[in-house]
Amino acid sequence: MSHLFFSQLQDATKTAREQMLSASIISACRSGDINIAMYQSFLTQAYHHVKHTVPLLMACGSRLPGHYEWLQDALSEYIEEEKGHHLWILDDIRACDGDIDAVKENRGQGRVHPAIELMVSYLYYQIDRLNPLALFGMVWVLEGTSVSIGGTMAELIQKHLSLPDQAMTYLRSHSTLDQEHIRLFAGLMDQITDSNDQHVIIDSANMIFSLYGQMLNGLNPTENEVG
C-alpha cells in the first residue's frame, strides 16, 4: 500500500464514496427515469454550495498556519478558476426554464436542501474554529466525483431530457476542468505529512460524502414528477 497521503485518502473514503454513488438519482440517470424538475433541483443545490466555493477558499487561505504557507499559491489558483461558476449554474437553470429568482432568493423550489446547508455550515465552522485543512475534504468529494461520473451524467441527462448545450455548462465544464484539478490536488495532498491534519481531511471528506449523498437521495424521481 502506498504511504502517500492521496492514496490513503482514497482508501479511507472509499466506503462513503460508494454509498454516495448508490443514490437513486444516479441510477435514474442511467435508466432514463428522470425529468426536468429533477435536473433543475440538482442545479439548484449545486448553486447553493458552489456560490460558497470562493469564500471558503479565501477563508481557508486566511487561516492557514505559517508552515502551510506553501499552499497559498494553490489556493490562489483555485480561487481564480472558481470565480463566477455559480453564475454558470444560473445560466443552466435559465436554459432549462427554471426559476432563477427563486434560486437566488432561496425560496420555494429554489430553497437550499438541509444537507447542503449543513455541508456549507460544517465547512465554515471547521475552517474558522478547528482546522482550515478540512476544506480539502470537500475538494476531494466534489472534484473527484465530477471527474469520475460528471461527464457521463451530463451526457445521459442531456440525451434523456433533450436539453440544449446551454443547459449543461456546469456539469460538462467541471468534468473537464476538474481532471487537471485532481492532478494538482493529489500532488498537494502528498505533501501533507502531519497525521492529525490527514485525519481532519479524511473526516471532512467522509462527512461531505454523507451530506452530499443525502442531497442526491432527496432528488427522488417519484417525488419530483411533473404532474
Protein backbone atom coordinates (compact mmCIF):
# COMPACT_ATOMS: atom_id res chain seq x y z
CA MET A 1 0.00 0.00 0.00
CA SER A 2 1.24 3.48 -0.87
CA HIS A 3 2.34 5.66 2.03
CA LEU A 4 1.49 8.81 0.09
CA PHE A 5 -1.48 10.59 1.60
CA PHE A 6 -3.62 10.91 -1.52
CA SER A 7 -3.72 7.14 -1.82
CA GLN A 8 -4.61 6.85 1.87
CA LEU A 9 -7.37 9.43 1.41
CA GLN A 10 -8.87 7.43 -1.44
CA ASP A 11 -8.80 4.22 0.61
CA ALA A 12 -10.18 5.82 3.78
CA THR A 13 -13.14 7.39 1.98
CA LYS A 14 -13.97 4.53 -0.40
CA THR A 15 -16.98 3.26 1.58
CA ALA A 16 -18.51 6.72 1.98
CA ARG A 17 -17.91 7.45 -1.71
CA GLU A 18 -19.59 4.22 -2.80
CA GLN A 19 -22.57 4.98 -0.56
CA MET A 20 -22.95 8.39 -2.15
CA LEU A 21 -22.71 6.91 -5.65
CA SER A 22 -25.54 4.50 -4.80
CA ALA A 23 -28.00 7.42 -4.70
CA SER A 24 -31.19 6.74 -6.66
CA ILE A 25 -30.71 9.80 -8.88
CA ILE A 26 -27.58 8.27 -10.41
CA SER A 27 -29.28 5.01 -11.37
CA ALA A 28 -32.27 7.05 -12.58
CA CYS A 29 -29.99 8.96 -14.95
CA ARG A 30 -28.59 5.72 -16.31
CA SER A 31 -32.07 4.23 -16.88
CA GLY A 32 -33.62 7.42 -18.23
CA ASP A 33 -36.10 7.62 -15.35
CA ILE A 34 -35.57 11.36 -14.88
CA ASN A 35 -37.42 14.56 -15.61
CA ILE A 36 -36.59 18.24 -15.94
CA ALA A 37 -37.69 19.00 -12.36
CA MET A 38 -35.01 16.64 -11.03
CA TYR A 39 -32.28 18.29 -13.09
CA GLN A 40 -33.43 21.76 -12.05
CA SER A 41 -33.38 20.62 -8.43
CA PHE A 42 -29.83 19.30 -8.80
CA LEU A 43 -28.68 22.58 -10.34
CA THR A 44 -30.39 24.50 -7.56
CA GLN A 45 -28.42 22.61 -4.91
CA ALA A 46 -25.23 22.99 -6.93
CA TYR A 47 -25.76 26.75 -6.93
CA HIS A 48 -26.26 26.82 -3.18
CA HIS A 49 -22.88 25.23 -2.50
CA VAL A 50 -20.84 26.48 -5.46
CA LYS A 51 -21.57 30.11 -4.55
CA HIS A 52 -19.60 29.43 -1.35
CA THR A 53 -16.56 27.89 -3.04
CA VAL A 54 -14.55 31.10 -3.42
CA PRO A 55 -15.43 32.44 0.07
CA LEU A 56 -14.46 29.08 1.59
CA LEU A 57 -11.16 29.02 -0.29
CA MET A 58 -10.42 32.56 0.84
CA ALA A 59 -11.31 31.72 4.45
CA CYS A 60 -9.07 28.67 4.32
CA GLY A 61 -6.14 30.67 2.96
CA SER A 62 -6.53 33.35 5.63
CA ARG A 63 -6.36 30.79 8.44
CA LEU A 64 -3.53 28.54 7.32
CA PRO A 65 -0.69 28.37 9.85
CA GLY A 66 2.75 29.53 8.78
CA HIS A 67 4.11 26.07 7.97
CA TYR A 68 1.39 25.68 5.33
CA GLU A 69 2.25 28.92 3.54
CA TRP A 70 3.23 26.81 0.51
CA LEU A 71 -0.48 26.06 -0.02
CA GLN A 72 -1.28 29.73 -0.63
CA ASP A 73 -0.33 29.68 -4.31
CA ALA A 74 -2.52 26.65 -4.99
CA LEU A 75 -5.46 28.26 -3.19
CA SER A 76 -4.98 31.43 -5.22
CA GLU A 77 -5.14 29.38 -8.43
CA TYR A 78 -8.28 27.61 -7.25
CA ILE A 79 -9.90 30.95 -6.44
CA GLU A 80 -9.14 32.40 -9.86
CA GLU A 81 -10.51 29.31 -11.62
CA GLU A 82 -13.65 29.04 -9.49
CA LYS A 83 -14.78 32.66 -9.76
CA GLY A 84 -18.21 33.02 -11.31
CA HIS A 85 -19.04 29.32 -11.57
CA HIS A 86 -22.25 29.82 -9.60
CA LEU A 87 -23.34 32.18 -12.37
CA TRP A 88 -22.83 29.40 -14.93
CA ILE A 89 -25.30 27.35 -12.92
CA LEU A 90 -27.89 30.13 -13.03
CA ASP A 91 -27.45 30.24 -16.81
CA ASP A 92 -28.04 26.47 -16.95
CA ILE A 93 -31.19 26.81 -14.83
CA ARG A 94 -32.45 29.59 -17.09
CA ALA A 95 -31.73 27.48 -20.20
CA CYS A 96 -33.96 24.67 -18.90
CA ASP A 97 -36.78 27.07 -17.92
CA GLY A 98 -36.07 27.11 -14.19
CA ASP A 99 -36.86 30.00 -11.84
CA ILE A 100 -33.50 31.63 -11.19
CA ASP A 101 -35.03 34.34 -8.99
CA ALA A 102 -36.39 31.67 -6.63
CA VAL A 103 -32.94 30.07 -6.51
CA LYS A 104 -31.09 33.32 -5.85
CA GLU A 105 -33.62 34.33 -3.21
CA ASN A 106 -33.66 30.85 -1.61
CA ARG A 107 -37.43 30.45 -1.73
CA GLY A 108 -39.98 27.91 -2.96
CA GLN A 109 -38.50 25.29 -5.29
CA GLY A 110 -35.24 27.24 -5.18
CA ARG A 111 -34.56 26.60 -1.50
CA VAL A 112 -31.34 25.03 -0.31
CA HIS A 113 -31.59 21.40 0.79
CA PRO A 114 -30.89 20.95 4.54
CA ALA A 115 -27.95 18.65 3.81
CA ILE A 116 -26.29 21.29 1.60
CA GLU A 117 -26.93 23.96 4.22
CA LEU A 118 -25.31 21.72 6.82
CA MET A 119 -22.41 20.92 4.49
CA VAL A 120 -21.57 24.58 3.95
CA SER A 121 -22.02 25.43 7.64
CA TYR A 122 -19.81 22.50 8.65
CA LEU A 123 -17.00 23.72 6.39
CA TYR A 124 -17.15 27.31 7.63
CA TYR A 125 -17.08 26.06 11.23
CA GLN A 126 -14.16 23.71 10.60
CA ILE A 127 -12.16 26.43 8.87
CA ASP A 128 -12.96 29.14 11.40
CA ARG A 129 -12.78 27.20 14.67
CA LEU A 130 -10.90 23.93 14.16
CA ASN A 131 -8.65 23.23 11.17
CA PRO A 132 -8.75 25.03 7.79
CA LEU A 133 -7.39 21.94 6.02
CA ALA A 134 -10.87 20.41 6.38
CA LEU A 135 -11.72 22.31 3.20
CA PHE A 136 -9.69 19.79 1.21
CA GLY A 137 -12.15 17.09 2.19
CA MET A 138 -14.76 18.99 0.19
CA VAL A 139 -12.38 19.41 -2.72
CA TRP A 140 -11.81 15.66 -2.88
CA VAL A 141 -15.53 14.86 -2.78
CA LEU A 142 -16.70 17.38 -5.36
CA GLU A 143 -13.83 17.32 -7.81
CA GLY A 144 -13.24 13.58 -7.52
CA THR A 145 -16.92 12.88 -8.17
CA SER A 146 -17.02 15.34 -11.05
CA VAL A 147 -14.11 13.62 -12.76
CA SER A 148 -15.41 10.09 -12.18
CA ILE A 149 -19.06 10.49 -13.23
CA GLY A 150 -19.75 14.14 -14.10
CA GLY A 151 -19.17 13.82 -17.84
CA THR A 152 -21.16 10.60 -18.14
CA MET A 153 -24.07 12.04 -16.15
CA ALA A 154 -24.07 15.16 -18.32
CA GLU A 155 -24.34 13.08 -21.48
CA LEU A 156 -27.15 10.94 -20.08
CA ILE A 157 -29.14 13.89 -18.75
CA GLN A 158 -28.82 15.83 -21.99
CA LYS A 159 -29.82 12.79 -24.03
CA HIS A 160 -32.83 11.77 -21.94
CA LEU A 161 -34.16 15.31 -21.48
CA SER A 162 -33.22 16.63 -24.95
CA LEU A 163 -31.59 19.69 -23.44
CA PRO A 164 -29.51 22.28 -25.33
CA ASP A 165 -25.78 22.62 -24.69
CA GLN A 166 -26.52 25.90 -22.90
CA ALA A 167 -28.22 23.94 -20.11
CA MET A 168 -25.20 21.70 -19.47
CA THR A 169 -22.41 24.21 -18.78
CA TYR A 170 -21.76 23.35 -15.15
CA LEU A 171 -21.63 19.55 -15.43
CA ARG A 172 -19.67 19.49 -18.68
CA SER A 173 -17.15 22.17 -17.77
CA HIS A 174 -16.39 20.71 -14.36
CA SER A 175 -15.92 17.17 -15.61
CA THR A 176 -13.16 18.59 -17.85
CA LEU A 177 -11.68 21.28 -15.60
CA ASP A 178 -11.53 19.02 -12.56
CA GLN A 179 -9.31 16.43 -14.28
CA GLU A 180 -6.43 18.89 -14.05
CA HIS A 181 -7.56 19.95 -10.58
CA ILE A 182 -7.35 16.38 -9.31
CA ARG A 183 -3.76 16.02 -10.53
CA LEU A 184 -2.89 19.23 -8.70
CA PHE A 185 -4.87 18.11 -5.65
CA ALA A 186 -3.10 14.75 -5.46
CA GLY A 187 0.27 16.48 -5.52
CA LEU A 188 -0.75 18.84 -2.73
CA MET A 189 -2.16 16.06 -0.56
CA ASP A 190 1.03 14.01 -0.89
CA GLN A 191 2.91 16.91 0.69
CA ILE A 192 0.75 16.80 3.82
CA THR A 193 2.52 14.50 6.26
CA ASP A 194 1.09 15.51 9.64
CA SER A 195 -1.15 12.65 10.78
CA ASN A 196 -3.58 14.93 12.61
CA ASP A 197 -4.12 17.07 9.54
CA GLN A 198 -4.53 13.96 7.41
CA HIS A 199 -7.25 12.70 9.74
CA VAL A 200 -9.02 16.06 9.57
CA ILE A 201 -9.13 15.90 5.77
CA ILE A 202 -10.34 12.27 5.80
CA ASP A 203 -13.05 13.01 8.37
CA SER A 204 -14.17 16.06 6.42
CA ALA A 205 -14.36 14.09 3.17
CA ASN A 206 -16.42 11.36 4.80
CA MET A 207 -18.80 13.96 6.23
CA ILE A 208 -19.19 15.69 2.86
CA PHE A 209 -19.77 12.38 1.06
CA SER A 210 -22.55 11.64 3.55
CA LEU A 211 -24.22 15.05 3.33
CA TYR A 212 -23.92 15.29 -0.46
CA GLY A 213 -25.38 11.80 -0.72
CA GLN A 214 -28.34 12.87 1.41
CA MET A 215 -28.98 15.72 -1.02
CA LEU A 216 -28.75 13.40 -4.03
CA ASN A 217 -31.18 10.97 -2.40
CA GLY A 218 -33.54 13.90 -1.94
CA LEU A 219 -33.78 14.18 -5.72
CA ASN A 220 -36.16 11.23 -5.79
CA PRO A 221 -37.78 10.54 -9.19
CA THR A 222 -41.20 9.84 -7.66
CA GLU A 223 -41.15 12.99 -5.58
CA ASN A 224 -40.24 15.28 -8.44
CA GLU A 225 -42.63 14.10 -11.13
CA VAL A 226 -44.23 16.95 -13.04
CA GLY A 227 -47.95 16.41 -12.73
